[in-house]
Amino acid sequence: MQSRIMYIENKSGGLGGRGRIGRVTFSKTRKTIYYQDKCFQSLKGGYKANYYDMETGEQYWISGPKRAGGDRLYGQPGVDIDEDVRVEYWTKIRYRPDLVEKTSA
């Protein structure tokens, strides 16, 4: 399976949900995304969400992280970064090796 660092934000509580940076994997067809113990499928259109959790139905915004940061849909600060991707995120995506110790963006 292919994997990639992505931004994942739970939208089930409203427009400003909890967000994090983590490694997801894709199914062969790339129609299903797996992150931790969750399995997501595309909403194929939707309002401020583009995927849903196949088990709970909760809606999520999942996208590639931006080089300049600001991944949240409405710009709130405080995105957690998973420990297993922290160094790669700061060095290869944000080009900020001086920040590799930071656990949030």
N, C-alpha and C. Protein backbone atom coordinates (compact mmCIF):
# COMPACT_ATOMS: atom_id res chain seq x y z
N MET A 1 0.83 -1.19 0.00
CA MET A 1 0.00 0.00 0.00
C MET A 1 0.87 1.25 0.00
N GLN A 2 0.43 2.25 -0.69
CA GLN A 2 1.14 3.53 -0.70
C GLN A 2 0.79 4.31 0.55
N SER A 3 1.75 5.10 1.04
CA SER A 3 1.48 5.94 2.20
C SER A 3 1.94 7.36 1.93
N ARG A 4 1.40 8.28 2.72
CA ARG A 4 1.72 9.68 2.55
C ARG A 4 1.38 10.43 3.83
N ILE A 5 2.13 11.46 4.14
CA ILE A 5 1.78 12.33 5.26
C ILE A 5 0.64 13.24 4.81
N MET A 6 -0.41 13.29 5.62
CA MET A 6 -1.60 14.09 5.27
C MET A 6 -2.09 14.85 6.49
N TYR A 7 -2.92 15.84 6.22
CA TYR A 7 -3.62 16.58 7.27
C TYR A 7 -5.01 15.97 7.43
N ILE A 8 -5.41 15.66 8.67
CA ILE A 8 -6.68 15.00 8.95
C ILE A 8 -7.42 15.83 10.00
N GLU A 9 -8.62 16.27 9.67
CA GLU A 9 -9.41 17.09 10.61
C GLU A 9 -10.82 16.53 10.75
N ASN A 10 -11.21 16.22 11.97
CA ASN A 10 -12.55 15.71 12.25
C ASN A 10 -13.53 16.88 12.21
N LYS A 11 -14.54 16.79 11.35
CA LYS A 11 -15.51 17.87 11.18
C LYS A 11 -16.86 17.55 11.83
N SER A 12 -16.95 16.45 12.56
CA SER A 12 -18.24 16.03 13.10
C SER A 12 -18.78 16.99 14.16
N GLY A 13 -17.89 17.76 14.81
CA GLY A 13 -18.34 18.70 15.83
C GLY A 13 -18.58 20.09 15.30
N GLY A 14 -18.49 20.30 14.01
CA GLY A 14 -18.67 21.62 13.42
C GLY A 14 -17.54 21.94 12.47
N LEU A 15 -17.47 23.19 12.08
CA LEU A 15 -16.49 23.59 11.07
C LEU A 15 -15.05 23.58 11.57
N GLY A 16 -14.83 23.81 12.85
CA GLY A 16 -13.47 23.88 13.40
C GLY A 16 -13.15 22.67 14.24
N GLY A 17 -12.94 21.53 13.62
CA GLY A 17 -12.66 20.30 14.37
C GLY A 17 -11.20 20.11 14.72
N ARG A 18 -10.93 19.04 15.44
CA ARG A 18 -9.57 18.69 15.84
C ARG A 18 -8.78 18.26 14.62
N GLY A 19 -7.56 18.79 14.47
CA GLY A 19 -6.74 18.46 13.32
C GLY A 19 -5.41 17.87 13.72
N ARG A 20 -4.84 17.06 12.81
CA ARG A 20 -3.52 16.49 13.06
C ARG A 20 -2.83 16.14 11.75
N ILE A 21 -1.52 16.02 11.84
CA ILE A 21 -0.69 15.60 10.72
C ILE A 21 -0.28 14.16 11.01
N GLY A 22 -0.52 13.25 10.06
CA GLY A 22 -0.16 11.86 10.28
C GLY A 22 0.01 11.13 8.96
N ARG A 23 0.50 9.91 9.05
CA ARG A 23 0.72 9.09 7.85
C ARG A 23 -0.52 8.25 7.59
N VAL A 24 -1.03 8.37 6.37
CA VAL A 24 -2.16 7.56 5.94
C VAL A 24 -1.68 6.57 4.89
N THR A 25 -2.45 5.53 4.70
CA THR A 25 -2.19 4.60 3.61
C THR A 25 -3.43 4.56 2.74
N PHE A 26 -3.23 4.18 1.49
CA PHE A 26 -4.31 4.16 0.51
C PHE A 26 -4.56 2.74 0.03
N SER A 27 -5.80 2.47 -0.31
CA SER A 27 -6.11 1.19 -0.95
C SER A 27 -5.52 1.22 -2.36
N LYS A 28 -5.52 0.08 -3.02
CA LYS A 28 -5.00 0.00 -4.39
C LYS A 28 -5.68 0.99 -5.32
N THR A 29 -6.97 1.16 -5.16
CA THR A 29 -7.74 2.05 -6.03
C THR A 29 -7.66 3.51 -5.57
N ARG A 30 -7.08 3.74 -4.39
CA ARG A 30 -6.96 5.07 -3.77
C ARG A 30 -8.32 5.66 -3.39
N LYS A 31 -9.35 4.84 -3.36
CA LYS A 31 -10.68 5.32 -2.97
C LYS A 31 -10.89 5.24 -1.46
N THR A 32 -10.05 4.47 -0.79
CA THR A 32 -10.16 4.30 0.66
C THR A 32 -8.85 4.74 1.29
N ILE A 33 -8.95 5.50 2.38
CA ILE A 33 -7.80 5.98 3.13
C ILE A 33 -7.85 5.35 4.51
N TYR A 34 -6.70 4.90 4.99
CA TYR A 34 -6.60 4.31 6.32
C TYR A 34 -5.68 5.17 7.18
N TYR A 35 -6.14 5.48 8.38
CA TYR A 35 -5.34 6.24 9.33
C TYR A 35 -5.60 5.68 10.72
N GLN A 36 -4.54 5.26 11.38
CA GLN A 36 -4.63 4.60 12.69
C GLN A 36 -5.65 3.48 12.60
N ASP A 37 -6.71 3.52 13.37
CA ASP A 37 -7.70 2.44 13.33
C ASP A 37 -8.94 2.82 12.55
N LYS A 38 -8.84 3.86 11.72
CA LYS A 38 -9.99 4.35 10.98
C LYS A 38 -9.86 4.07 9.48
N CYS A 39 -11.00 3.96 8.85
CA CYS A 39 -11.09 3.70 7.42
C CYS A 39 -12.03 4.75 6.83
N PHE A 40 -11.54 5.51 5.85
CA PHE A 40 -12.30 6.63 5.28
C PHE A 40 -12.62 6.38 3.82
N GLN A 41 -13.79 6.85 3.40
CA GLN A 41 -14.15 6.85 1.99
C GLN A 41 -14.58 8.25 1.59
N SER A 42 -14.43 8.56 0.32
CA SER A 42 -14.74 9.88 -0.20
C SER A 42 -16.24 10.17 -0.09
N LEU A 43 -16.54 11.43 0.24
CA LEU A 43 -17.93 11.88 0.24
C LEU A 43 -18.41 12.20 -1.17
N LYS A 44 -17.48 12.32 -2.12
CA LYS A 44 -17.81 12.68 -3.50
C LYS A 44 -18.68 13.93 -3.52
N GLY A 45 -18.14 14.96 -2.91
CA GLY A 45 -18.88 16.20 -2.74
C GLY A 45 -19.35 16.27 -1.32
N GLY A 46 -19.46 17.41 -0.79
CA GLY A 46 -19.88 17.58 0.59
C GLY A 46 -19.54 18.98 1.03
N TYR A 47 -20.05 19.37 2.17
CA TYR A 47 -19.85 20.72 2.65
C TYR A 47 -18.74 20.75 3.70
N LYS A 48 -17.59 21.27 3.36
CA LYS A 48 -16.44 21.45 4.24
C LYS A 48 -15.87 20.14 4.77
N ALA A 49 -16.21 19.05 4.14
CA ALA A 49 -15.64 17.74 4.47
C ALA A 49 -15.53 16.98 3.16
N ASN A 50 -14.51 16.13 3.05
CA ASN A 50 -14.35 15.39 1.81
C ASN A 50 -14.29 13.87 2.00
N TYR A 51 -14.24 13.41 3.25
CA TYR A 51 -14.23 11.98 3.56
C TYR A 51 -15.13 11.71 4.76
N TYR A 52 -15.53 10.46 4.91
CA TYR A 52 -16.27 10.06 6.10
C TYR A 52 -15.69 8.77 6.66
N ASP A 53 -15.78 8.63 7.97
CA ASP A 53 -15.34 7.42 8.67
C ASP A 53 -16.37 6.33 8.38
N MET A 54 -15.94 5.24 7.80
CA MET A 54 -16.87 4.19 7.37
C MET A 54 -17.55 3.50 8.55
N GLU A 55 -16.96 3.56 9.73
CA GLU A 55 -17.57 2.92 10.89
C GLU A 55 -18.57 3.83 11.60
N THR A 56 -18.20 5.10 11.80
CA THR A 56 -19.03 6.01 12.59
C THR A 56 -19.86 6.98 11.74
N GLY A 57 -19.46 7.18 10.48
CA GLY A 57 -20.14 8.15 9.64
C GLY A 57 -19.67 9.58 9.86
N GLU A 58 -18.74 9.80 10.81
CA GLU A 58 -18.24 11.15 11.07
C GLU A 58 -17.53 11.68 9.82
N GLN A 59 -17.68 12.99 9.61
CA GLN A 59 -17.07 13.60 8.43
C GLN A 59 -15.71 14.20 8.77
N TYR A 60 -14.80 14.16 7.78
CA TYR A 60 -13.43 14.62 7.95
C TYR A 60 -13.00 15.44 6.73
N TRP A 61 -12.03 16.32 6.96
CA TRP A 61 -11.31 16.99 5.89
C TRP A 61 -9.92 16.36 5.86
N ILE A 62 -9.54 15.73 4.76
CA ILE A 62 -8.23 15.10 4.62
C ILE A 62 -7.58 15.66 3.37
N SER A 63 -6.36 16.20 3.55
CA SER A 63 -5.66 16.78 2.40
C SER A 63 -4.16 16.73 2.65
N GLY A 64 -3.41 17.00 1.60
CA GLY A 64 -1.96 17.08 1.73
C GLY A 64 -1.60 18.30 2.56
N PRO A 65 -0.57 18.20 3.40
CA PRO A 65 -0.16 19.35 4.20
C PRO A 65 0.48 20.43 3.33
N LYS A 66 0.30 21.66 3.74
CA LYS A 66 0.84 22.80 3.00
C LYS A 66 2.25 23.12 3.47
N ARG A 67 3.10 23.49 2.55
CA ARG A 67 4.48 23.82 2.88
C ARG A 67 4.56 24.98 3.87
N ALA A 68 3.67 25.95 3.74
CA ALA A 68 3.69 27.12 4.62
C ALA A 68 2.90 26.92 5.90
N GLY A 69 2.36 25.73 6.11
CA GLY A 69 1.50 25.50 7.28
C GLY A 69 0.10 25.95 6.96
N GLY A 70 -0.67 26.30 7.96
CA GLY A 70 -2.03 26.77 7.73
C GLY A 70 -2.92 25.71 7.11
N ASP A 71 -2.80 24.48 7.57
CA ASP A 71 -3.56 23.39 6.98
C ASP A 71 -5.03 23.40 7.36
N ARG A 72 -5.36 23.95 8.51
CA ARG A 72 -6.74 23.94 8.96
C ARG A 72 -7.61 24.74 8.00
N LEU A 73 -8.80 24.26 7.80
CA LEU A 73 -9.72 24.88 6.85
C LEU A 73 -10.03 26.32 7.23
N TYR A 74 -10.11 26.62 8.52
CA TYR A 74 -10.43 27.96 8.97
C TYR A 74 -9.29 28.63 9.72
N GLY A 75 -8.08 28.12 9.55
CA GLY A 75 -6.87 28.79 10.01
C GLY A 75 -6.61 28.80 11.51
N GLN A 76 -7.36 28.09 12.31
CA GLN A 76 -7.06 28.06 13.74
C GLN A 76 -5.71 27.41 13.95
N PRO A 77 -4.96 27.87 14.95
CA PRO A 77 -3.66 27.24 15.24
C PRO A 77 -3.83 25.93 16.00
N GLY A 78 -2.74 25.22 16.17
CA GLY A 78 -2.74 24.06 17.03
C GLY A 78 -3.07 22.74 16.36
N VAL A 79 -2.28 22.36 15.39
CA VAL A 79 -2.44 21.08 14.73
C VAL A 79 -1.39 20.13 15.32
N ASP A 80 -1.84 19.01 15.88
CA ASP A 80 -0.92 18.03 16.45
C ASP A 80 -0.22 17.26 15.34
N ILE A 81 1.03 16.86 15.60
CA ILE A 81 1.81 16.10 14.63
C ILE A 81 2.14 14.75 15.25
N ASP A 82 1.79 13.68 14.57
CA ASP A 82 2.10 12.34 15.05
C ASP A 82 3.62 12.18 15.18
N GLU A 83 4.04 11.52 16.24
CA GLU A 83 5.46 11.35 16.52
C GLU A 83 6.20 10.64 15.39
N ASP A 84 5.57 9.67 14.74
CA ASP A 84 6.26 8.89 13.70
C ASP A 84 6.50 9.67 12.41
N VAL A 85 5.89 10.86 12.27
CA VAL A 85 6.10 11.67 11.06
C VAL A 85 6.69 13.05 11.36
N ARG A 86 6.93 13.34 12.63
CA ARG A 86 7.33 14.68 13.06
C ARG A 86 8.58 15.17 12.33
N VAL A 87 9.65 14.41 12.34
CA VAL A 87 10.90 14.85 11.71
C VAL A 87 10.72 15.02 10.20
N GLU A 88 10.09 14.05 9.56
CA GLU A 88 9.88 14.13 8.12
C GLU A 88 8.99 15.33 7.76
N TYR A 89 7.98 15.59 8.55
CA TYR A 89 7.09 16.74 8.29
C TYR A 89 7.87 18.05 8.33
N TRP A 90 8.66 18.25 9.39
CA TRP A 90 9.39 19.51 9.52
C TRP A 90 10.53 19.65 8.52
N THR A 91 11.15 18.56 8.11
CA THR A 91 12.30 18.68 7.21
C THR A 91 11.92 18.59 5.74
N LYS A 92 11.02 17.69 5.36
CA LYS A 92 10.73 17.47 3.94
C LYS A 92 9.48 18.18 3.43
N ILE A 93 8.58 18.54 4.32
CA ILE A 93 7.36 19.22 3.87
C ILE A 93 7.44 20.71 4.17
N ARG A 94 7.81 21.05 5.40
CA ARG A 94 7.87 22.46 5.78
C ARG A 94 9.24 23.08 5.56
N TYR A 95 10.27 22.27 5.31
CA TYR A 95 11.65 22.76 5.12
C TYR A 95 12.10 23.62 6.30
N ARG A 96 11.78 23.13 7.50
CA ARG A 96 12.16 23.83 8.73
C ARG A 96 12.82 22.86 9.70
N PRO A 97 14.02 22.36 9.39
CA PRO A 97 14.68 21.41 10.29
C PRO A 97 14.93 21.97 11.68
N ASP A 98 14.94 23.29 11.80
CA ASP A 98 15.13 23.91 13.12
C ASP A 98 13.94 23.67 14.05
N LEU A 99 12.82 23.19 13.51
CA LEU A 99 11.61 22.99 14.31
C LEU A 99 11.28 21.52 14.57
N VAL A 100 12.19 20.60 14.28
CA VAL A 100 11.88 19.16 14.38
C VAL A 100 11.46 18.74 15.78
N GLU A 101 11.74 19.49 16.78
CA GLU A 101 11.34 19.13 18.15
C GLU A 101 9.89 19.50 18.44
N LYS A 102 9.29 20.33 17.62
CA LYS A 102 7.90 20.76 17.85
C LYS A 102 6.91 19.65 17.54
N THR A 103 5.95 19.47 18.41
CA THR A 103 4.95 18.41 18.24
C THR A 103 3.61 18.95 17.75
N SER A 104 3.56 20.25 17.47
CA SER A 104 2.35 20.84 16.89
C SER A 104 2.77 21.94 15.92
N ALA A 105 1.88 22.22 15.00
CA ALA A 105 2.17 23.24 13.99
C ALA A 105 1.21 24.40 14.11
